[in-house]
């Protein structure tokens, strides 16, 4: 797992061989990333199932309760399979846009 801290968020890229390995690594770093806005870029080589994404749904819900943004970049996810508040985008630019929108919402008290 590669962690790259930016000015307003942290980008996490997967370099593991499987989603299971990535998720284990992610959980090992979760405490140090607890208060950071996250964009997680999943490898296109992963064969990710709906159940795999559901593991990240729990992380997303926890972050949202804390007022922290969490966005996943994946081209293999069908966003219609997940709740509206679960942020999955196909590109980094769209992920950044979501972070900006959520920051504005927090400033406005939504």
PDB file of N, CA and C in Angstrom:
ATOM      1  N   UNK A   1       0.848  -1.168   0.000  1.00  0.00           N
ATOM      2  CA  UNK A   1       0.000   0.000   0.000  1.00  0.00           C
ATOM      3  C   UNK A   1       0.894   1.232   0.000  1.00  0.00           C
ATOM      4  N   UNK A   2       0.589   2.158  -0.858  1.00  0.00           N
ATOM      5  CA  UNK A   2       1.355   3.388  -0.971  1.00  0.00           C
ATOM      6  C   UNK A   2       0.504   4.531  -0.406  1.00  0.00           C
ATOM      7  N   UNK A   3       1.052   5.290   0.543  1.00  0.00           N
ATOM      8  CA  UNK A   3       0.346   6.406   1.167  1.00  0.00           C
ATOM      9  C   UNK A   3       1.041   7.697   0.766  1.00  0.00           C
ATOM     10  N   UNK A   4       0.260   8.596   0.162  1.00  0.00           N
ATOM     11  CA  UNK A   4       0.802   9.882  -0.291  1.00  0.00           C
ATOM     12  C   UNK A   4      -0.052  11.006   0.286  1.00  0.00           C
ATOM     13  N   UNK A   5       0.528  11.773   1.188  1.00  0.00           N
ATOM     14  CA  UNK A   5      -0.209  12.859   1.830  1.00  0.00           C
ATOM     15  C   UNK A   5      -0.163  14.108   0.948  1.00  0.00           C
ATOM     16  N   UNK A   6      -1.345  14.626   0.676  1.00  0.00           N
ATOM     17  CA  UNK A   6      -1.500  15.857  -0.090  1.00  0.00           C
ATOM     18  C   UNK A   6      -1.907  16.969   0.879  1.00  0.00           C
ATOM     19  N   UNK A   7      -2.155  18.162   0.358  1.00  0.00           N
ATOM     20  CA  UNK A   7      -2.503  19.305   1.202  1.00  0.00           C
ATOM     21  C   UNK A   7      -3.829  19.083   1.945  1.00  0.00           C
ATOM     22  N   UNK A   8      -4.850  18.583   1.255  1.00  0.00           N
ATOM     23  CA  UNK A   8      -6.176  18.473   1.866  1.00  0.00           C
ATOM     24  C   UNK A   8      -6.687  17.039   2.015  1.00  0.00           C
ATOM     25  N   UNK A   9      -5.914  16.072   1.571  1.00  0.00           N
ATOM     26  CA  UNK A   9      -6.346  14.679   1.663  1.00  0.00           C
ATOM     27  C   UNK A   9      -5.134  13.760   1.592  1.00  0.00           C
ATOM     28  N   UNK A  10      -5.386  12.485   1.827  1.00  0.00           N
ATOM     29  CA  UNK A  10      -4.351  11.465   1.682  1.00  0.00           C
ATOM     30  C   UNK A  10      -4.788  10.490   0.606  1.00  0.00           C
ATOM     31  N   UNK A  11      -3.901  10.233  -0.339  1.00  0.00           N
ATOM     32  CA  UNK A  11      -4.165   9.292  -1.422  1.00  0.00           C
ATOM     33  C   UNK A  11      -3.525   7.959  -1.076  1.00  0.00           C
ATOM     34  N   UNK A  12      -4.349   6.930  -1.098  1.00  0.00           N
ATOM     35  CA  UNK A  12      -3.866   5.578  -0.833  1.00  0.00           C
ATOM     36  C   UNK A  12      -3.991   4.787  -2.118  1.00  0.00           C
ATOM     37  N   UNK A  13      -2.879   4.230  -2.571  1.00  0.00           N
ATOM     38  CA  UNK A  13      -2.864   3.420  -3.786  1.00  0.00           C
ATOM     39  C   UNK A  13      -2.529   1.985  -3.419  1.00  0.00           C
ATOM     40  N   UNK A  14      -3.173   1.082  -4.094  1.00  0.00           N
ATOM     41  CA  UNK A  14      -2.927  -0.328  -3.818  1.00  0.00           C
ATOM     42  C   UNK A  14      -1.800  -0.841  -4.701  1.00  0.00           C
ATOM     43  N   UNK A  15      -0.849  -1.522  -4.084  1.00  0.00           N
ATOM     44  CA  UNK A  15       0.214  -2.156  -4.850  1.00  0.00           C
ATOM     45  C   UNK A  15       0.324  -3.636  -4.482  1.00  0.00           C
ATOM     46  N   UNK A  16      -0.679  -4.121  -3.762  1.00  0.00           N
ATOM     47  CA  UNK A  16      -0.706  -5.529  -3.386  1.00  0.00           C
ATOM     48  C   UNK A  16      -1.209  -6.372  -4.557  1.00  0.00           C
ATOM     49  N   UNK A  17      -1.141  -7.683  -4.396  1.00  0.00           N
ATOM     50  CA  UNK A  17      -1.551  -8.606  -5.456  1.00  0.00           C
ATOM     51  C   UNK A  17      -3.029  -8.963  -5.424  1.00  0.00           C
ATOM     52  N   UNK A  18      -3.697  -8.661  -4.323  1.00  0.00           N
ATOM     53  CA  UNK A  18      -5.116  -8.985  -4.220  1.00  0.00           C
ATOM     54  C   UNK A  18      -5.810  -7.965  -3.335  1.00  0.00           C
ATOM     55  N   UNK A  19      -7.129  -7.915  -3.461  1.00  0.00           N
ATOM     56  CA  UNK A  19      -7.892  -7.012  -2.612  1.00  0.00           C
ATOM     57  C   UNK A  19      -7.750  -7.410  -1.149  1.00  0.00           C
ATOM     58  N   UNK A  20      -7.755  -8.692  -0.863  1.00  0.00           N
ATOM     59  CA  UNK A  20      -7.626  -9.171   0.522  1.00  0.00           C
ATOM     60  C   UNK A  20      -6.330  -8.666   1.151  1.00  0.00           C
ATOM     61  N   UNK A  21      -5.227  -8.738   0.410  1.00  0.00           N
ATOM     62  CA  UNK A  21      -3.944  -8.242   0.917  1.00  0.00           C
ATOM     63  C   UNK A  21      -3.994  -6.724   1.138  1.00  0.00           C
ATOM     64  N   UNK A  22      -4.603  -6.019   0.187  1.00  0.00           N
ATOM     65  CA  UNK A  22      -4.734  -4.573   0.325  1.00  0.00           C
ATOM     66  C   UNK A  22      -5.566  -4.226   1.557  1.00  0.00           C
ATOM     67  N   UNK A  23      -6.691  -4.889   1.729  1.00  0.00           N
ATOM     68  CA  UNK A  23      -7.585  -4.586   2.842  1.00  0.00           C
ATOM     69  C   UNK A  23      -6.886  -4.840   4.181  1.00  0.00           C
ATOM     70  N   UNK A  24      -6.133  -5.901   4.274  1.00  0.00           N
ATOM     71  CA  UNK A  24      -5.369  -6.188   5.493  1.00  0.00           C
ATOM     72  C   UNK A  24      -4.369  -5.070   5.771  1.00  0.00           C
ATOM     73  N   UNK A  25      -3.660  -4.643   4.749  1.00  0.00           N
ATOM     74  CA  UNK A  25      -2.699  -3.556   4.892  1.00  0.00           C
ATOM     75  C   UNK A  25      -3.405  -2.262   5.290  1.00  0.00           C
ATOM     76  N   UNK A  26      -4.536  -2.004   4.658  1.00  0.00           N
ATOM     77  CA  UNK A  26      -5.323  -0.801   4.973  1.00  0.00           C
ATOM     78  C   UNK A  26      -5.739  -0.803   6.442  1.00  0.00           C
ATOM     79  N   UNK A  27      -6.236  -1.918   6.924  1.00  0.00           N
ATOM     80  CA  UNK A  27      -6.651  -2.008   8.328  1.00  0.00           C
ATOM     81  C   UNK A  27      -5.478  -1.789   9.281  1.00  0.00           C
ATOM     82  N   UNK A  28      -4.298  -2.242   8.890  1.00  0.00           N
ATOM     83  CA  UNK A  28      -3.103  -2.044   9.716  1.00  0.00           C
ATOM     84  C   UNK A  28      -2.719  -0.571   9.841  1.00  0.00           C
ATOM     85  N   UNK A  29      -3.096   0.245   8.855  1.00  0.00           N
ATOM     86  CA  UNK A  29      -2.771   1.678   8.863  1.00  0.00           C
ATOM     87  C   UNK A  29      -3.972   2.547   9.245  1.00  0.00           C
ATOM     88  N   UNK A  30      -5.107   1.923   9.466  1.00  0.00           N
ATOM     89  CA  UNK A  30      -6.344   2.676   9.683  1.00  0.00           C
ATOM     90  C   UNK A  30      -6.242   3.670  10.847  1.00  0.00           C
ATOM     91  N   UNK A  31      -5.623   3.285  11.926  1.00  0.00           N
ATOM     92  CA  UNK A  31      -5.534   4.159  13.095  1.00  0.00           C
ATOM     93  C   UNK A  31      -4.759   5.441  12.782  1.00  0.00           C
ATOM     94  N   UNK A  32      -3.662   5.344  12.043  1.00  0.00           N
ATOM     95  CA  UNK A  32      -2.880   6.541  11.718  1.00  0.00           C
ATOM     96  C   UNK A  32      -3.573   7.422  10.680  1.00  0.00           C
ATOM     97  N   UNK A  33      -4.562   6.867   9.968  1.00  0.00           N
ATOM     98  CA  UNK A  33      -5.300   7.609   8.942  1.00  0.00           C
ATOM     99  C   UNK A  33      -6.678   8.039   9.433  1.00  0.00           C
ATOM    100  N   UNK A  34      -6.943   7.831  10.696  1.00  0.00           N
ATOM    101  CA  UNK A  34      -8.269   8.011  11.273  1.00  0.00           C
ATOM    102  C   UNK A  34      -8.868   9.398  11.023  1.00  0.00           C
ATOM    103  N   UNK A  35      -8.068  10.438  11.109  1.00  0.00           N
ATOM    104  CA  UNK A  35      -8.578  11.806  11.009  1.00  0.00           C
ATOM    105  C   UNK A  35      -8.300  12.456   9.662  1.00  0.00           C
ATOM    106  N   UNK A  36      -7.915  11.669   8.673  1.00  0.00           N
ATOM    107  CA  UNK A  36      -7.558  12.222   7.367  1.00  0.00           C
ATOM    108  C   UNK A  36      -8.636  11.929   6.332  1.00  0.00           C
ATOM    109  N   UNK A  37      -8.866  12.904   5.459  1.00  0.00           N
ATOM    110  CA  UNK A  37      -9.744  12.684   4.314  1.00  0.00           C
ATOM    111  C   UNK A  37      -8.998  11.744   3.380  1.00  0.00           C
ATOM    112  N   UNK A  38      -9.675  10.690   2.936  1.00  0.00           N
ATOM    113  CA  UNK A  38      -8.993   9.658   2.154  1.00  0.00           C
ATOM    114  C   UNK A  38      -9.581   9.483   0.768  1.00  0.00           C
ATOM    115  N   UNK A  39      -8.680   9.289  -0.192  1.00  0.00           N
ATOM    116  CA  UNK A  39      -9.032   8.788  -1.517  1.00  0.00           C
ATOM    117  C   UNK A  39      -8.273   7.485  -1.657  1.00  0.00           C
ATOM    118  N   UNK A  40      -9.011   6.414  -1.907  1.00  0.00           N
ATOM    119  CA  UNK A  40      -8.417   5.087  -2.040  1.00  0.00           C
ATOM    120  C   UNK A  40      -8.506   4.666  -3.500  1.00  0.00           C
ATOM    121  N   UNK A  41      -7.360   4.516  -4.145  1.00  0.00           N
ATOM    122  CA  UNK A  41      -7.309   4.117  -5.545  1.00  0.00           C
ATOM    123  C   UNK A  41      -6.995   2.625  -5.621  1.00  0.00           C
ATOM    124  N   UNK A  42      -8.017   1.859  -5.998  1.00  0.00           N
ATOM    125  CA  UNK A  42      -7.862   0.408  -6.064  1.00  0.00           C
ATOM    126  C   UNK A  42      -7.299  -0.012  -7.407  1.00  0.00           C
ATOM    127  N   UNK A  43      -6.484  -1.027  -7.387  1.00  0.00           N
ATOM    128  CA  UNK A  43      -5.868  -1.531  -8.606  1.00  0.00           C
ATOM    129  C   UNK A  43      -6.921  -2.106  -9.541  1.00  0.00           C
ATOM    130  N   UNK A  44      -6.785  -1.817 -10.813  1.00  0.00           N
ATOM    131  CA  UNK A  44      -7.701  -2.383 -11.810  1.00  0.00           C
ATOM    132  C   UNK A  44      -7.483  -3.876 -11.996  1.00  0.00           C
ATOM    133  N   UNK A  45      -6.374  -4.391 -11.509  1.00  0.00           N
ATOM    134  CA  UNK A  45      -6.096  -5.824 -11.656  1.00  0.00           C
ATOM    135  C   UNK A  45      -6.814  -6.663 -10.597  1.00  0.00           C
ATOM    136  N   UNK A  46      -7.342  -6.004  -9.562  1.00  0.00           N
ATOM    137  CA  UNK A  46      -8.083  -6.744  -8.539  1.00  0.00           C
ATOM    138  C   UNK A  46      -9.402  -7.246  -9.116  1.00  0.00           C
ATOM    139  N   UNK A  47      -9.765  -8.447  -8.744  1.00  0.00           N
ATOM    140  CA  UNK A  47     -11.084  -8.974  -9.064  1.00  0.00           C
ATOM    141  C   UNK A  47     -11.956  -8.715  -7.833  1.00  0.00           C
ATOM    142  N   UNK A  48     -12.510  -7.512  -7.750  1.00  0.00           N
ATOM    143  CA  UNK A  48     -13.211  -7.079  -6.547  1.00  0.00           C
ATOM    144  C   UNK A  48     -14.686  -7.439  -6.648  1.00  0.00           C
ATOM    145  N   UNK A  49     -15.177  -8.068  -5.598  1.00  0.00           N
ATOM    146  CA  UNK A  49     -16.585  -8.445  -5.538  1.00  0.00           C
ATOM    147  C   UNK A  49     -17.386  -7.378  -4.802  1.00  0.00           C
ATOM    148  N   UNK A  50     -18.691  -7.488  -4.899  1.00  0.00           N
ATOM    149  CA  UNK A  50     -19.576  -6.579  -4.172  1.00  0.00           C
ATOM    150  C   UNK A  50     -19.316  -6.700  -2.668  1.00  0.00           C
ATOM    151  N   UNK A  51     -19.025  -7.902  -2.209  1.00  0.00           N
ATOM    152  CA  UNK A  51     -18.737  -8.120  -0.785  1.00  0.00           C
ATOM    153  C   UNK A  51     -17.444  -7.403  -0.367  1.00  0.00           C
ATOM    154  N   UNK A  52     -16.454  -7.385  -1.255  1.00  0.00           N
ATOM    155  CA  UNK A  52     -15.211  -6.667  -0.968  1.00  0.00           C
ATOM    156  C   UNK A  52     -15.491  -5.176  -0.781  1.00  0.00           C
ATOM    157  N   UNK A  53     -16.273  -4.614  -1.694  1.00  0.00           N
ATOM    158  CA  UNK A  53     -16.620  -3.200  -1.573  1.00  0.00           C
ATOM    159  C   UNK A  53     -17.404  -2.939  -0.292  1.00  0.00           C
ATOM    160  N   UNK A  54     -18.216  -3.893   0.111  1.00  0.00           N
ATOM    161  CA  UNK A  54     -19.003  -3.738   1.335  1.00  0.00           C
ATOM    162  C   UNK A  54     -18.112  -3.589   2.560  1.00  0.00           C
ATOM    163  N   UNK A  55     -16.930  -4.210   2.551  1.00  0.00           N
ATOM    164  CA  UNK A  55     -15.979  -4.017   3.652  1.00  0.00           C
ATOM    165  C   UNK A  55     -15.580  -2.549   3.759  1.00  0.00           C
ATOM    166  N   UNK A  56     -15.388  -1.920   2.626  1.00  0.00           N
ATOM    167  CA  UNK A  56     -15.024  -0.501   2.611  1.00  0.00           C
ATOM    168  C   UNK A  56     -16.213   0.392   2.934  1.00  0.00           C
ATOM    169  N   UNK A  57     -17.418  -0.115   2.719  1.00  0.00           N
ATOM    170  CA  UNK A  57     -18.630   0.629   3.068  1.00  0.00           C
ATOM    171  C   UNK A  57     -18.661   0.910   4.564  1.00  0.00           C
ATOM    172  N   UNK A  58     -18.226  -0.051   5.370  1.00  0.00           N
ATOM    173  CA  UNK A  58     -18.173   0.142   6.822  1.00  0.00           C
ATOM    174  C   UNK A  58     -17.188   1.247   7.191  1.00  0.00           C
ATOM    175  N   UNK A  59     -16.042   1.269   6.526  1.00  0.00           N
ATOM    176  CA  UNK A  59     -15.045   2.317   6.766  1.00  0.00           C
ATOM    177  C   UNK A  59     -15.623   3.672   6.368  1.00  0.00           C
ATOM    178  N   UNK A  60     -16.287   3.706   5.231  1.00  0.00           N
ATOM    179  CA  UNK A  60     -16.888   4.938   4.730  1.00  0.00           C
ATOM    180  C   UNK A  60     -17.915   5.496   5.716  1.00  0.00           C
ATOM    181  N   UNK A  61     -18.768   4.630   6.234  1.00  0.00           N
ATOM    182  CA  UNK A  61     -19.799   5.072   7.177  1.00  0.00           C
ATOM    183  C   UNK A  61     -19.171   5.634   8.452  1.00  0.00           C
ATOM    184  N   UNK A  62     -18.134   4.987   8.926  1.00  0.00           N
ATOM    185  CA  UNK A  62     -17.441   5.444  10.126  1.00  0.00           C
ATOM    186  C   UNK A  62     -16.809   6.820   9.901  1.00  0.00           C
ATOM    187  N   UNK A  63     -16.176   6.994   8.756  1.00  0.00           N
ATOM    188  CA  UNK A  63     -15.551   8.283   8.421  1.00  0.00           C
ATOM    189  C   UNK A  63     -16.610   9.378   8.331  1.00  0.00           C
ATOM    190  N   UNK A  64     -17.721   9.073   7.655  1.00  0.00           N
ATOM    191  CA  UNK A  64     -18.781  10.052   7.454  1.00  0.00           C
ATOM    192  C   UNK A  64     -19.341  10.518   8.803  1.00  0.00           C
ATOM    193  N   UNK A  65     -19.505   9.598   9.751  1.00  0.00           N
ATOM    194  CA  UNK A  65     -19.986   9.950  11.088  1.00  0.00           C
ATOM    195  C   UNK A  65     -19.038  10.911  11.784  1.00  0.00           C
ATOM    196  N   UNK A  66     -17.763  10.831  11.459  1.00  0.00           N
ATOM    197  CA  UNK A  66     -16.746  11.701  12.055  1.00  0.00           C
ATOM    198  C   UNK A  66     -16.542  12.994  11.276  1.00  0.00           C
ATOM    199  N   UNK A  67     -17.310  13.183  10.203  1.00  0.00           N
ATOM    200  CA  UNK A  67     -17.165  14.389   9.390  1.00  0.00           C
ATOM    201  C   UNK A  67     -15.946  14.364   8.493  1.00  0.00           C
ATOM    202  N   UNK A  68     -15.539  13.152   8.091  1.00  0.00           N
ATOM    203  CA  UNK A  68     -14.349  12.981   7.265  1.00  0.00           C
ATOM    204  C   UNK A  68     -14.743  12.323   5.943  1.00  0.00           C
ATOM    205  N   UNK A  69     -14.163  12.795   4.855  1.00  0.00           N
ATOM    206  CA  UNK A  69     -14.479  12.270   3.529  1.00  0.00           C
ATOM    207  C   UNK A  69     -13.704  10.995   3.231  1.00  0.00           C
ATOM    208  N   UNK A  70     -14.355  10.116   2.466  1.00  0.00           N
ATOM    209  CA  UNK A  70     -13.762   8.847   2.051  1.00  0.00           C
ATOM    210  C   UNK A  70     -14.282   8.541   0.658  1.00  0.00           C
ATOM    211  N   UNK A  71     -13.377   8.459  -0.312  1.00  0.00           N
ATOM    212  CA  UNK A  71     -13.759   8.221  -1.708  1.00  0.00           C
ATOM    213  C   UNK A  71     -12.916   7.086  -2.263  1.00  0.00           C
ATOM    214  N   UNK A  72     -13.549   6.220  -3.027  1.00  0.00           N
ATOM    215  CA  UNK A  72     -12.865   5.094  -3.658  1.00  0.00           C
ATOM    216  C   UNK A  72     -12.804   5.338  -5.159  1.00  0.00           C
ATOM    217  N   UNK A  73     -11.650   5.076  -5.743  1.00  0.00           N
ATOM    218  CA  UNK A  73     -11.500   5.132  -7.195  1.00  0.00           C
ATOM    219  C   UNK A  73     -11.439   3.699  -7.691  1.00  0.00           C
ATOM    220  N   UNK A  74     -12.422   3.359  -8.526  1.00  0.00           N
ATOM    221  CA  UNK A  74     -12.458   2.028  -9.115  1.00  0.00           C
ATOM    222  C   UNK A  74     -13.289   2.077 -10.393  1.00  0.00           C
ATOM    223  N   UNK A  75     -12.780   1.449 -11.422  1.00  0.00           N
ATOM    224  CA  UNK A  75     -13.537   1.390 -12.674  1.00  0.00           C
ATOM    225  C   UNK A  75     -14.392   0.128 -12.748  1.00  0.00           C
ATOM    226  N   UNK A  76     -14.209  -0.783 -11.796  1.00  0.00           N
ATOM    227  CA  UNK A  76     -14.946  -2.047 -11.863  1.00  0.00           C
ATOM    228  C   UNK A  76     -16.223  -2.061 -11.027  1.00  0.00           C
ATOM    229  N   UNK A  77     -16.474  -1.023 -10.244  1.00  0.00           N
ATOM    230  CA  UNK A  77     -17.644  -1.003  -9.369  1.00  0.00           C
ATOM    231  C   UNK A  77     -18.869  -0.496 -10.109  1.00  0.00           C
ATOM    232  N   UNK A  78     -19.988  -1.116  -9.830  1.00  0.00           N
ATOM    233  CA  UNK A  78     -21.273  -0.622 -10.318  1.00  0.00           C
ATOM    234  C   UNK A  78     -21.866   0.200  -9.178  1.00  0.00           C
ATOM    235  N   UNK A  79     -21.827   1.512  -9.298  1.00  0.00           N
ATOM    236  CA  UNK A  79     -22.248   2.368  -8.195  1.00  0.00           C
ATOM    237  C   UNK A  79     -23.715   2.191  -7.832  1.00  0.00           C
ATOM    238  N   UNK A  80     -24.506   1.661  -8.740  1.00  0.00           N
ATOM    239  CA  UNK A  80     -25.916   1.419  -8.453  1.00  0.00           C
ATOM    240  C   UNK A  80     -26.119   0.292  -7.444  1.00  0.00           C
ATOM    241  N   UNK A  81     -25.088  -0.495  -7.180  1.00  0.00           N
ATOM    242  CA  UNK A  81     -25.164  -1.589  -6.208  1.00  0.00           C
ATOM    243  C   UNK A  81     -24.978  -1.120  -4.769  1.00  0.00           C
ATOM    244  N   UNK A  82     -24.676   0.160  -4.573  1.00  0.00           N
ATOM    245  CA  UNK A  82     -24.313   0.648  -3.246  1.00  0.00           C
ATOM    246  C   UNK A  82     -25.144   1.865  -2.864  1.00  0.00           C
ATOM    247  N   UNK A  83     -25.196   2.160  -1.559  1.00  0.00           N
ATOM    248  CA  UNK A  83     -25.937   3.343  -1.102  1.00  0.00           C
ATOM    249  C   UNK A  83     -25.364   4.624  -1.700  1.00  0.00           C
ATOM    250  N   UNK A  84     -26.216   5.627  -1.793  1.00  0.00           N
ATOM    251  CA  UNK A  84     -25.833   6.897  -2.406  1.00  0.00           C
ATOM    252  C   UNK A  84     -24.676   7.586  -1.677  1.00  0.00           C
ATOM    253  N   UNK A  85     -24.574   7.404  -0.364  1.00  0.00           N
ATOM    254  CA  UNK A  85     -23.532   8.072   0.406  1.00  0.00           C
ATOM    255  C   UNK A  85     -22.166   7.395   0.282  1.00  0.00           C
ATOM    256  N   UNK A  86     -22.105   6.260  -0.399  1.00  0.00           N
ATOM    257  CA  UNK A  86     -20.844   5.537  -0.606  1.00  0.00           C
ATOM    258  C   UNK A  86     -20.206   6.078  -1.873  1.00  0.00           C
ATOM    259  N   UNK A  87     -19.113   6.821  -1.727  1.00  0.00           N
ATOM    260  CA  UNK A  87     -18.501   7.532  -2.848  1.00  0.00           C
ATOM    261  C   UNK A  87     -17.534   6.644  -3.622  1.00  0.00           C
ATOM    262  N   UNK A  88     -17.941   6.259  -4.825  1.00  0.00           N
ATOM    263  CA  UNK A  88     -17.086   5.503  -5.732  1.00  0.00           C
ATOM    264  C   UNK A  88     -17.056   6.254  -7.056  1.00  0.00           C
ATOM    265  N   UNK A  89     -15.847   6.533  -7.545  1.00  0.00           N
ATOM    266  CA  UNK A  89     -15.691   7.238  -8.818  1.00  0.00           C
ATOM    267  C   UNK A  89     -14.680   6.500  -9.691  1.00  0.00           C
ATOM    268  N   UNK A  90     -14.739   6.728 -11.001  1.00  0.00           N
ATOM    269  CA  UNK A  90     -13.768   6.080 -11.886  1.00  0.00           C
ATOM    270  C   UNK A  90     -12.446   6.834 -12.036  1.00  0.00           C
ATOM    271  N   UNK A  91     -12.390   8.124 -11.612  1.00  0.00           N
ATOM    272  CA  UNK A  91     -11.166   8.902 -11.826  1.00  0.00           C
ATOM    273  C   UNK A  91     -10.750   9.674 -10.572  1.00  0.00           C
ATOM    274  N   UNK A  92      -9.483  10.017 -10.521  1.00  0.00           N
ATOM    275  CA  UNK A  92      -8.951  10.807  -9.418  1.00  0.00           C
ATOM    276  C   UNK A  92      -9.568  12.203  -9.394  1.00  0.00           C
ATOM    277  N   UNK A  93      -9.770  12.800 -10.552  1.00  0.00           N
ATOM    278  CA  UNK A  93     -10.354  14.149 -10.596  1.00  0.00           C
ATOM    279  C   UNK A  93     -11.761  14.155 -10.000  1.00  0.00           C
ATOM    280  N   UNK A  94     -12.563  13.148 -10.313  1.00  0.00           N
ATOM    281  CA  UNK A  94     -13.908  13.069  -9.739  1.00  0.00           C
ATOM    282  C   UNK A  94     -13.836  12.861  -8.226  1.00  0.00           C
ATOM    283  N   UNK A  95     -12.868  12.099  -7.768  1.00  0.00           N
ATOM    284  CA  UNK A  95     -12.686  11.897  -6.326  1.00  0.00           C
ATOM    285  C   UNK A  95     -12.345  13.219  -5.645  1.00  0.00           C
ATOM    286  N   UNK A  96     -11.473  13.991  -6.250  1.00  0.00           N
ATOM    287  CA  UNK A  96     -11.123  15.306  -5.702  1.00  0.00           C
ATOM    288  C   UNK A  96     -12.348  16.218  -5.661  1.00  0.00           C
ATOM    289  N   UNK A  97     -13.157  16.160  -6.723  1.00  0.00           N
ATOM    290  CA  UNK A  97     -14.375  16.973  -6.773  1.00  0.00           C
ATOM    291  C   UNK A  97     -15.319  16.627  -5.625  1.00  0.00           C
ATOM    292  N   UNK A  98     -15.453  15.347  -5.324  1.00  0.00           N
ATOM    293  CA  UNK A  98     -16.309  14.926  -4.207  1.00  0.00           C
ATOM    294  C   UNK A  98     -15.766  15.476  -2.894  1.00  0.00           C
ATOM    295  N   UNK A  99     -14.453  15.405  -2.710  1.00  0.00           N
ATOM    296  CA  UNK A  99     -13.860  15.957  -1.487  1.00  0.00           C
ATOM    297  C   UNK A  99     -14.184  17.441  -1.346  1.00  0.00           C
ATOM    298  N   UNK A 100     -14.083  18.184  -2.432  1.00  0.00           N
ATOM    299  CA  UNK A 100     -14.381  19.617  -2.407  1.00  0.00           C
ATOM    300  C   UNK A 100     -15.846  19.868  -2.082  1.00  0.00           C
ATOM    301  N   UNK A 101     -16.742  19.100  -2.694  1.00  0.00           N
ATOM    302  CA  UNK A 101     -18.173  19.274  -2.431  1.00  0.00           C
ATOM    303  C   UNK A 101     -18.505  18.965  -0.975  1.00  0.00           C
ATOM    304  N   UNK A 102     -17.930  17.886  -0.441  1.00  0.00           N
ATOM    305  CA  UNK A 102     -18.194  17.533   0.946  1.00  0.00           C
ATOM    306  C   UNK A 102     -17.614  18.563   1.904  1.00  0.00           C
ATOM    307  N   UNK A 103     -16.478  19.156   1.567  1.00  0.00           N
ATOM    308  CA  UNK A 103     -15.904  20.217   2.397  1.00  0.00           C
ATOM    309  C   UNK A 103     -16.846  21.427   2.429  1.00  0.00           C
ATOM    310  N   UNK A 104     -17.409  21.776   1.283  1.00  0.00           N
ATOM    311  CA  UNK A 104     -18.375  22.888   1.224  1.00  0.00           C
ATOM    312  C   UNK A 104     -19.616  22.580   2.050  1.00  0.00           C
ATOM    313  N   UNK A 105     -20.101  21.346   1.951  1.00  0.00           N
ATOM    314  CA  UNK A 105     -21.279  20.939   2.723  1.00  0.00           C
ATOM    315  C   UNK A 105     -21.004  21.066   4.224  1.00  0.00           C
ATOM    316  N   UNK A 106     -19.830  20.637   4.653  1.00  0.00           N
ATOM    317  CA  UNK A 106     -19.486  20.745   6.078  1.00  0.00           C
ATOM    318  C   UNK A 106     -19.429  22.205   6.512  1.00  0.00           C
ATOM    319  N   UNK A 107     -18.868  23.073   5.660  1.00  0.00           N
ATOM    320  CA  UNK A 107     -18.781  24.500   5.988  1.00  0.00           C
ATOM    321  C   UNK A 107     -20.157  25.123   6.105  1.00  0.00           C
ATOM    322  N   UNK A 108     -21.099  24.631   5.292  1.00  0.00           N
ATOM    323  CA  UNK A 108     -22.465  25.165   5.314  1.00  0.00           C
ATOM    324  C   UNK A 108     -23.341  24.503   6.369  1.00  0.00           C
ATOM    325  N   UNK A 109     -22.803  23.497   7.025  1.00  0.00           N
ATOM    326  CA  UNK A 109     -23.526  22.837   8.106  1.00  0.00           C
ATOM    327  C   UNK A 109     -24.464  21.721   7.694  1.00  0.00           C
ATOM    328  N   UNK A 110     -24.253  21.155   6.525  1.00  0.00           N
ATOM    329  CA  UNK A 110     -25.098  20.030   6.073  1.00  0.00           C
ATOM    330  C   UNK A 110     -24.616  18.726   6.613  1.00  0.00           C
TER     331      UNK A 110
END
